[in-house]
Amino acid sequence: MTGSGATRTHRGRKSRSEDEILYDRELEDLPPELRWREWMLRVEAVIFAAVEPVSRETLARVVGKSCSIELLIDDLREDLRSRPYDIVTVAGGWQHRSRSAYAAAIRASQAPTRSSPVSLSEHEAAVLAAIAYLQPVTRGELSKMFGKEVSRDTIASLRDAGFLGSGPRSPTPGAPYTYVTTRHFLSAFGLETLRDLPDLERLEDAGLLSRQALEGDALPMRESEASEND
């Protein structure tokens, strides 16, 4: 039995090795110009097909080791300059996004799109914004900031939408759960990292957050905590 298992393992390793050999990433038989163009097409195809933003590690699987992903993306974006869509940096990766100038046309067409528009109540949007700026933060701290209880249903709704995840336990008595935003949150709102969150003045003007509440009743987000969601 041991020998049989070892044989299967060996065959599995051989199969993976053969796959790597069969898929030619380096394209050394092509002239440099054609090689670069093929890498561009491969990268664009992967980004186009992907549901979520595509990381550098993923794109590196389809191009040669000497290929600069950033330069490749720059050339792709140049090719797309006259098109109604672009390749943008979001949530730590790259994704195809329609240009904002054509948003009205897309809405008017009523055509199903890949990503559903973010639909939140005013209260849910305010709670999500507070978590984005204050994370990791407990439900009790949020309730204190808003001056009324933030319900479990509100948190559950934001979690179901994929915007929130569980953070570390709070060091306060009872060690309650804290909440943090997710990579999907960054993707849905077109952010590369949490450092791209809008200025507090813009949120105050929209009536979503109070600078006094953020600076007074709750602790500001620390850079080390923000990096966990980059």
Protein backbone atom coordinates (compact mmCIF):
# COMPACT_ATOMS: atom_id res chain seq x y z
CA MET A 1 0.00 0.00 0.00
CA THR A 2 2.84 2.35 0.85
CA GLY A 3 4.46 1.69 -2.49
CA SER A 4 1.20 2.35 -4.30
CA GLY A 5 0.75 5.66 -2.49
CA ALA A 6 4.32 6.66 -3.27
CA THR A 7 3.70 5.83 -6.94
CA ARG A 8 0.59 8.00 -7.02
CA THR A 9 2.49 10.84 -5.34
CA HIS A 10 5.30 10.48 -7.85
CA ARG A 11 2.85 10.52 -10.74
CA GLY A 12 1.15 13.58 -9.31
CA ARG A 13 4.44 15.41 -9.08
CA LYS A 14 5.36 14.35 -12.56
CA SER A 15 2.02 15.56 -13.90
CA ARG A 16 2.44 18.98 -12.32
CA SER A 17 5.97 19.21 -13.65
CA GLU A 18 4.77 18.29 -17.15
CA ASP A 19 2.07 20.96 -16.96
CA GLU A 20 4.69 23.55 -16.14
CA ILE A 21 6.81 22.43 -19.07
CA LEU A 22 3.87 22.35 -21.51
CA TYR A 23 2.84 25.90 -20.68
CA ASP A 24 5.55 28.10 -22.14
CA ARG A 25 5.84 31.23 -20.03
CA GLU A 26 9.18 32.43 -21.32
CA LEU A 27 8.36 32.31 -25.08
CA GLU A 28 12.05 32.32 -25.90
CA ASP A 29 11.37 31.25 -29.49
CA LEU A 30 9.61 34.57 -30.21
CA PRO A 31 11.27 37.87 -31.12
CA PRO A 32 11.21 40.35 -28.19
CA GLU A 33 8.40 42.47 -29.69
CA LEU A 34 6.09 39.51 -30.28
CA ARG A 35 6.96 38.01 -26.89
CA TRP A 36 5.98 41.23 -25.13
CA ARG A 37 2.76 41.46 -27.12
CA GLU A 38 1.81 37.88 -26.23
CA TRP A 39 2.47 38.58 -22.54
CA MET A 40 0.24 41.65 -22.80
CA LEU A 41 -2.59 39.60 -24.30
CA ARG A 42 -2.25 36.89 -21.67
CA VAL A 43 -2.37 39.38 -18.82
CA GLU A 44 -5.35 41.20 -20.30
CA ALA A 45 -7.20 37.92 -20.79
CA VAL A 46 -6.65 36.90 -17.16
CA ILE A 47 -7.77 40.29 -15.81
CA PHE A 48 -10.80 40.32 -18.11
CA ALA A 49 -11.91 36.84 -17.05
CA ALA A 50 -11.35 37.30 -13.32
CA VAL A 51 -14.23 38.16 -10.97
CA GLU A 52 -11.99 39.81 -8.37
CA PRO A 53 -8.90 42.03 -8.78
CA VAL A 54 -5.92 39.99 -9.97
CA SER A 55 -2.72 40.06 -7.94
CA ARG A 56 0.83 40.32 -9.24
CA GLU A 57 1.49 36.76 -8.08
CA THR A 58 -1.35 35.47 -10.26
CA LEU A 59 -0.23 37.37 -13.35
CA ALA A 60 3.35 36.18 -12.85
CA ARG A 61 2.17 32.63 -13.59
CA VAL A 62 1.50 33.44 -17.25
CA VAL A 63 4.52 35.57 -18.18
CA GLY A 64 8.28 35.14 -18.18
CA LYS A 65 10.42 35.72 -15.10
CA SER A 66 12.05 38.78 -16.66
CA CYS A 67 8.71 40.44 -17.41
CA SER A 68 7.83 43.63 -15.51
CA ILE A 69 4.14 43.40 -14.66
CA GLU A 70 3.92 47.16 -14.05
CA LEU A 71 5.38 48.05 -17.46
CA LEU A 72 3.10 45.51 -19.10
CA ILE A 73 0.05 47.06 -17.43
CA ASP A 74 1.21 50.52 -18.52
CA ASP A 75 1.32 49.38 -22.14
CA LEU A 76 -2.11 47.74 -21.84
CA ARG A 77 -3.60 50.93 -20.43
CA GLU A 78 -2.08 52.89 -23.31
CA ASP A 79 -3.76 50.50 -25.75
CA LEU A 80 -7.09 51.02 -23.96
CA ARG A 81 -6.88 54.81 -23.83
CA SER A 82 -9.56 55.24 -26.51
CA ARG A 83 -11.80 52.49 -25.11
CA PRO A 84 -14.72 52.95 -22.66
CA TYR A 85 -12.95 50.82 -20.05
CA ASP A 86 -9.56 50.71 -18.38
CA ILE A 87 -7.38 48.51 -16.20
CA VAL A 88 -7.25 50.02 -12.71
CA THR A 89 -5.36 49.25 -9.53
CA VAL A 90 -7.80 48.20 -6.83
CA ALA A 91 -7.69 46.08 -3.66
CA GLY A 92 -4.04 45.21 -4.18
CA GLY A 93 -4.52 43.96 -7.74
CA TRP A 94 -5.73 44.93 -11.20
CA GLN A 95 -9.24 44.87 -12.63
CA HIS A 96 -11.14 45.96 -15.74
CA ARG A 97 -13.43 48.88 -14.91
CA SER A 98 -15.77 50.88 -17.14
CA ARG A 99 -14.88 54.55 -17.35
CA SER A 100 -17.11 56.81 -15.27
CA ALA A 101 -18.07 58.81 -18.37
CA TYR A 102 -20.11 55.82 -19.53
CA ALA A 103 -21.84 55.05 -16.22
CA ALA A 104 -25.07 56.75 -17.34
CA ALA A 105 -25.16 54.73 -20.56
CA ILE A 106 -24.65 51.47 -18.66
CA ARG A 107 -27.44 52.33 -16.22
CA ALA A 108 -29.79 53.38 -19.03
CA SER A 109 -29.21 50.08 -20.84
CA GLN A 110 -30.38 48.14 -17.75
CA ALA A 111 -28.03 45.37 -18.86
CA PRO A 112 -26.85 42.93 -16.17
CA THR A 113 -23.30 43.74 -15.16
CA ARG A 114 -20.54 41.68 -13.55
CA SER A 115 -20.66 43.56 -10.29
CA SER A 116 -23.91 44.61 -8.68
CA PRO A 117 -24.02 48.22 -7.50
CA VAL A 118 -23.44 48.77 -3.80
CA SER A 119 -26.85 49.25 -2.17
CA LEU A 120 -26.77 50.32 1.47
CA SER A 121 -29.17 52.21 3.68
CA GLU A 122 -27.97 55.55 5.02
CA HIS A 123 -27.38 54.00 8.44
CA GLU A 124 -25.50 51.00 7.01
CA ALA A 125 -23.30 53.32 4.96
CA ALA A 126 -22.51 55.39 8.05
CA VAL A 127 -21.65 52.31 10.11
CA LEU A 128 -19.45 50.90 7.34
CA ALA A 129 -17.64 54.22 6.97
CA ALA A 130 -17.03 54.37 10.73
CA ILE A 131 -15.61 50.84 10.75
CA ALA A 132 -13.38 51.65 7.77
CA TYR A 133 -11.81 54.57 9.64
CA LEU A 134 -11.73 53.13 13.17
CA GLN A 135 -10.99 49.43 12.63
CA PRO A 136 -10.60 47.24 14.49
CA VAL A 137 -13.67 48.43 16.38
CA THR A 138 -16.33 46.73 18.50
CA ARG A 139 -20.09 47.05 18.15
CA GLY A 140 -20.17 48.71 21.57
CA GLU A 141 -17.67 51.35 20.46
CA LEU A 142 -19.75 52.00 17.35
CA SER A 143 -22.91 52.34 19.44
CA LYS A 144 -21.16 54.84 21.71
CA MET A 145 -20.03 56.88 18.71
CA PHE A 146 -23.49 56.99 17.11
CA GLY A 147 -25.25 57.65 20.40
CA LYS A 148 -27.57 54.69 19.85
CA GLU A 149 -27.20 50.94 19.55
CA VAL A 150 -25.74 49.58 16.34
CA SER A 151 -27.74 46.39 15.98
CA ARG A 152 -26.42 42.93 15.29
CA ASP A 153 -28.66 42.91 12.21
CA THR A 154 -26.79 45.89 10.76
CA ILE A 155 -23.43 44.19 11.32
CA ALA A 156 -24.81 40.93 9.87
CA SER A 157 -26.07 42.74 6.77
CA LEU A 158 -22.65 44.28 6.13
CA ARG A 159 -20.97 40.92 6.70
CA ASP A 160 -23.37 39.18 4.32
CA ALA A 161 -22.49 41.79 1.68
CA GLY A 162 -18.85 40.79 2.09
CA PHE A 163 -17.73 44.16 3.45
CA LEU A 164 -16.82 43.11 6.99
CA GLY A 165 -14.74 40.41 8.64
CA SER A 166 -13.80 39.59 12.22
CA GLY A 167 -10.82 41.38 13.71
CA PRO A 168 -8.83 40.58 16.85
CA ARG A 169 -10.59 40.32 20.19
CA SER A 170 -10.77 43.66 21.98
CA PRO A 171 -8.57 43.98 25.12
CA THR A 172 -11.55 45.53 26.95
CA PRO A 173 -13.52 43.55 29.58
CA GLY A 174 -15.33 40.58 28.05
CA ALA A 175 -12.96 40.56 25.05
CA PRO A 176 -15.70 41.38 22.52
CA TYR A 177 -15.19 40.78 18.81
CA THR A 178 -13.94 43.63 16.67
CA TYR A 179 -14.78 44.24 13.02
CA VAL A 180 -12.57 45.15 10.08
CA THR A 181 -13.20 45.78 6.40
CA THR A 182 -12.36 43.16 3.77
CA ARG A 183 -10.61 43.08 0.41
CA HIS A 184 -14.07 42.98 -1.17
CA PHE A 185 -14.80 46.31 0.51
CA LEU A 186 -11.79 47.82 -1.22
CA SER A 187 -12.81 46.33 -4.56
CA ALA A 188 -16.46 47.40 -4.31
CA PHE A 189 -15.53 51.01 -3.56
CA GLY A 190 -12.63 51.20 -6.01
CA LEU A 191 -9.90 51.60 -3.40
CA GLU A 192 -6.38 50.27 -3.70
CA THR A 193 -5.71 50.39 0.05
CA LEU A 194 -7.35 51.92 3.14
CA ARG A 195 -5.07 54.91 2.68
CA ASP A 196 -7.26 55.83 -0.30
CA LEU A 197 -10.30 56.47 1.90
CA PRO A 198 -11.76 59.95 1.29
CA ASP A 199 -10.94 62.84 3.57
CA LEU A 200 -13.10 63.28 6.65
CA GLU A 201 -14.24 66.68 5.34
CA ARG A 202 -15.99 64.99 2.42
CA LEU A 203 -17.81 62.60 4.75
CA GLU A 204 -18.80 65.46 7.03
CA ASP A 205 -20.19 67.39 4.08
CA ALA A 206 -22.23 64.32 3.12
CA GLY A 207 -23.50 64.03 6.71
CA LEU A 208 -22.11 60.51 7.10
CA LEU A 209 -19.57 60.99 9.88
CA SER A 210 -18.76 63.46 12.61
CA ARG A 211 -15.13 64.46 12.98
CA GLN A 212 -15.78 65.15 16.68
CA ALA A 213 -17.07 61.62 17.19
CA LEU A 214 -14.13 60.10 15.37
CA GLU A 215 -11.52 62.12 17.21
CA GLY A 216 -13.21 62.07 20.60
CA ASP A 217 -15.04 58.86 21.44
CA ALA A 218 -13.10 56.33 19.37
CA LEU A 219 -9.48 55.54 18.76
CA PRO A 220 -8.15 56.37 15.28
CA MET A 221 -7.00 53.52 13.09
CA ARG A 222 -3.32 52.75 13.46
CA GLU A 223 -1.10 52.32 10.42
CA SER A 224 -0.17 48.76 11.44
CA GLU A 225 -3.86 47.85 11.53
CA ALA A 226 -4.52 49.47 8.18
CA SER A 227 -1.75 47.46 6.55
CA GLU A 228 -3.56 44.23 7.43
CA ASN A 229 -6.32 45.21 4.98
CA ASP A 230 -4.08 46.62 2.21
